[in-house]
Amino acid sequence: MNESMTISNEKELHDFLRGKQRAVVLFGKEGCLRCSIVETVIEGIKKEYPIISFGFTKDTALAEPRHIDTYPVLVFYENGAEVGRLIGSDKITRIKNILNLWFLKDW
């Protein structure tokens, strides 16, 4: 189930979230060093979370309607609905703690 996808537009985001029980989308910005760091962290740990799908976007047009105006932002979804956010670059342990808290509580 663990998949990773680059998301370029609203339709791709909708398709990515459809039918997924647990998903995380990294909203970043082109040229953002912190965004690249968080993306690298996610790529490195995603194998530890086989039930979570991960998406990545650098399209600020997708961020604006979601009131995202600072980058990076990890948005956590359950069954297509947002359940939380982690704003800014953060330590790998904090990202793992949030993934465990929100997604692995009933796994």
C-alpha atoms as a PDB file:
ATOM      1  CA  MET A   1       0.000   0.000   0.000  1.00  0.00           C
ATOM      2  CA  ASN A   2       2.878   2.388   0.762  1.00  0.00           C
ATOM      3  CA  GLU A   3       3.125   4.587  -2.274  1.00  0.00           C
ATOM      4  CA  SER A   4       4.743   7.895  -3.012  1.00  0.00           C
ATOM      5  CA  MET A   5       3.494  10.365  -5.593  1.00  0.00           C
ATOM      6  CA  THR A   6       4.391  13.776  -6.909  1.00  0.00           C
ATOM      7  CA  ILE A   7       1.224  15.859  -7.063  1.00  0.00           C
ATOM      8  CA  SER A   8       0.968  18.658  -9.630  1.00  0.00           C
ATOM      9  CA  ASN A   9      -2.658  19.794  -9.569  1.00  0.00           C
ATOM     10  CA  GLU A  10      -5.965  19.626  -7.702  1.00  0.00           C
ATOM     11  CA  LYS A  11      -7.202  16.568  -9.619  1.00  0.00           C
ATOM     12  CA  GLU A  12      -4.037  14.613  -8.816  1.00  0.00           C
ATOM     13  CA  LEU A  13      -4.381  15.540  -5.141  1.00  0.00           C
ATOM     14  CA  HIS A  14      -8.017  14.432  -5.122  1.00  0.00           C
ATOM     15  CA  ASP A  15      -7.120  11.168  -6.902  1.00  0.00           C
ATOM     16  CA  PHE A  16      -4.214  10.587  -4.518  1.00  0.00           C
ATOM     17  CA  LEU A  17      -6.406  10.965  -1.417  1.00  0.00           C
ATOM     18  CA  ARG A  18      -9.401   9.018  -2.768  1.00  0.00           C
ATOM     19  CA  GLY A  19      -9.717   5.622  -1.168  1.00  0.00           C
ATOM     20  CA  LYS A  20      -6.708   6.019   1.105  1.00  0.00           C
ATOM     21  CA  GLN A  21      -7.251   5.418   4.771  1.00  0.00           C
ATOM     22  CA  ARG A  22      -4.014   7.163   5.757  1.00  0.00           C
ATOM     23  CA  ALA A  23      -2.022   9.674   3.732  1.00  0.00           C
ATOM     24  CA  VAL A  24       0.500  12.453   4.235  1.00  0.00           C
ATOM     25  CA  VAL A  25       1.119  15.266   1.771  1.00  0.00           C
ATOM     26  CA  LEU A  26       4.190  17.480   1.968  1.00  0.00           C
ATOM     27  CA  PHE A  27       3.389  20.966   0.702  1.00  0.00           C
ATOM     28  CA  GLY A  28       6.655  22.589  -0.284  1.00  0.00           C
ATOM     29  CA  LYS A  29       7.935  25.356  -2.477  1.00  0.00           C
ATOM     30  CA  GLU A  30      10.404  25.320  -5.350  1.00  0.00           C
ATOM     31  CA  GLY A  31      13.872  26.305  -4.130  1.00  0.00           C
ATOM     32  CA  CYS A  32      13.018  25.825  -0.422  1.00  0.00           C
ATOM     33  CA  LEU A  33      15.942  24.137   1.360  1.00  0.00           C
ATOM     34  CA  ARG A  34      13.850  23.118   4.382  1.00  0.00           C
ATOM     35  CA  CYS A  35      11.252  21.573   2.074  1.00  0.00           C
ATOM     36  CA  SER A  36      13.953  19.465   0.416  1.00  0.00           C
ATOM     37  CA  ILE A  37      15.226  18.343   3.820  1.00  0.00           C
ATOM     38  CA  VAL A  38      11.744  17.226   4.959  1.00  0.00           C
ATOM     39  CA  GLU A  39      11.176  15.457   1.633  1.00  0.00           C
ATOM     40  CA  THR A  40      14.454  13.578   2.096  1.00  0.00           C
ATOM     41  CA  VAL A  41      13.454  12.640   5.657  1.00  0.00           C
ATOM     42  CA  ILE A  42      10.076  11.328   4.461  1.00  0.00           C
ATOM     43  CA  GLU A  43      11.684   9.349   1.631  1.00  0.00           C
ATOM     44  CA  GLY A  44      14.027   7.815   4.210  1.00  0.00           C
ATOM     45  CA  ILE A  45      11.369   6.734   6.697  1.00  0.00           C
ATOM     46  CA  LYS A  46       8.390   5.861   4.489  1.00  0.00           C
ATOM     47  CA  LYS A  47       9.348   2.162   4.366  1.00  0.00           C
ATOM     48  CA  GLU A  48       8.740   2.034   8.119  1.00  0.00           C
ATOM     49  CA  TYR A  49       5.095   3.012   7.526  1.00  0.00           C
ATOM     50  CA  PRO A  50       3.683   0.595   4.931  1.00  0.00           C
ATOM     51  CA  ILE A  51       0.063   1.570   5.609  1.00  0.00           C
ATOM     52  CA  ILE A  52       0.622   5.267   4.844  1.00  0.00           C
ATOM     53  CA  SER A  53       0.730   6.819   1.373  1.00  0.00           C
ATOM     54  CA  PHE A  54       2.982   9.839   0.915  1.00  0.00           C
ATOM     55  CA  GLY A  55       2.502  12.657  -1.564  1.00  0.00           C
ATOM     56  CA  PHE A  56       4.697  15.615  -2.424  1.00  0.00           C
ATOM     57  CA  THR A  57       3.795  18.907  -4.073  1.00  0.00           C
ATOM     58  CA  LYS A  58       5.611  22.155  -4.770  1.00  0.00           C
ATOM     59  CA  ASP A  59       2.586  23.742  -6.427  1.00  0.00           C
ATOM     60  CA  THR A  60       1.716  26.816  -4.360  1.00  0.00           C
ATOM     61  CA  ALA A  61      -1.674  26.977  -6.117  1.00  0.00           C
ATOM     62  CA  LEU A  62      -2.583  23.788  -4.197  1.00  0.00           C
ATOM     63  CA  ALA A  63      -1.417  25.309  -0.913  1.00  0.00           C
ATOM     64  CA  GLU A  64      -3.315  28.601  -1.108  1.00  0.00           C
ATOM     65  CA  PRO A  65      -6.893  27.247  -0.791  1.00  0.00           C
ATOM     66  CA  ARG A  66      -5.697  25.221   2.201  1.00  0.00           C
ATOM     67  CA  HIS A  67      -4.414  28.393   3.896  1.00  0.00           C
ATOM     68  CA  ILE A  68      -0.798  27.277   3.653  1.00  0.00           C
ATOM     69  CA  ASP A  69       1.474  30.285   3.341  1.00  0.00           C
ATOM     70  CA  THR A  70       4.659  29.036   4.958  1.00  0.00           C
ATOM     71  CA  TYR A  71       6.713  26.039   3.917  1.00  0.00           C
ATOM     72  CA  PRO A  72       7.174  23.165   4.418  1.00  0.00           C
ATOM     73  CA  VAL A  73       3.900  21.819   5.783  1.00  0.00           C
ATOM     74  CA  LEU A  74       3.061  18.144   6.294  1.00  0.00           C
ATOM     75  CA  VAL A  75      -0.702  17.603   6.119  1.00  0.00           C
ATOM     76  CA  PHE A  76      -2.060  14.362   7.562  1.00  0.00           C
ATOM     77  CA  TYR A  77      -5.235  12.820   6.129  1.00  0.00           C
ATOM     78  CA  GLU A  78      -7.505   9.985   7.218  1.00  0.00           C
ATOM     79  CA  ASN A  79     -10.054   8.804   4.656  1.00  0.00           C
ATOM     80  CA  GLY A  80      -9.483  11.992   2.644  1.00  0.00           C
ATOM     81  CA  ALA A  81     -10.118  14.374   5.558  1.00  0.00           C
ATOM     82  CA  GLU A  82      -7.375  16.477   7.085  1.00  0.00           C
ATOM     83  CA  VAL A  83      -6.605  15.424  10.658  1.00  0.00           C
ATOM     84  CA  GLY A  84      -3.574  17.566  11.391  1.00  0.00           C
ATOM     85  CA  ARG A  85      -0.550  19.531  10.249  1.00  0.00           C
ATOM     86  CA  LEU A  86       3.099  19.852  11.079  1.00  0.00           C
ATOM     87  CA  ILE A  87       4.408  23.246  10.007  1.00  0.00           C
ATOM     88  CA  GLY A  88       8.088  23.845   9.280  1.00  0.00           C
ATOM     89  CA  SER A  89      11.028  21.552   9.116  1.00  0.00           C
ATOM     90  CA  ASP A  90      11.262  19.366  12.155  1.00  0.00           C
ATOM     91  CA  LYS A  91      13.333  16.604  13.593  1.00  0.00           C
ATOM     92  CA  ILE A  92      12.861  13.110  12.253  1.00  0.00           C
ATOM     93  CA  THR A  93      11.852  11.896  15.719  1.00  0.00           C
ATOM     94  CA  ARG A  94       9.023  14.438  15.892  1.00  0.00           C
ATOM     95  CA  ILE A  95       7.734  13.429  12.450  1.00  0.00           C
ATOM     96  CA  LYS A  96       7.820   9.763  13.475  1.00  0.00           C
ATOM     97  CA  ASN A  97       6.071  10.529  16.769  1.00  0.00           C
ATOM     98  CA  ILE A  98       3.241  12.292  14.937  1.00  0.00           C
ATOM     99  CA  LEU A  99       2.918   9.484  12.379  1.00  0.00           C
ATOM    100  CA  ASN A 100       2.713   6.989  15.228  1.00  0.00           C
ATOM    101  CA  LEU A 101       0.221   9.075  17.198  1.00  0.00           C
ATOM    102  CA  TRP A 102      -2.187   9.835  14.356  1.00  0.00           C
ATOM    103  CA  PHE A 103      -1.883   6.757  12.206  1.00  0.00           C
ATOM    104  CA  LEU A 104      -0.608   3.775  14.119  1.00  0.00           C
ATOM    105  CA  LYS A 105      -2.839   4.113  17.143  1.00  0.00           C
ATOM    106  CA  ASP A 106      -5.169   1.403  15.866  1.00  0.00           C
ATOM    107  CA  TRP A 107      -2.798  -0.514  13.626  1.00  0.00           C
END
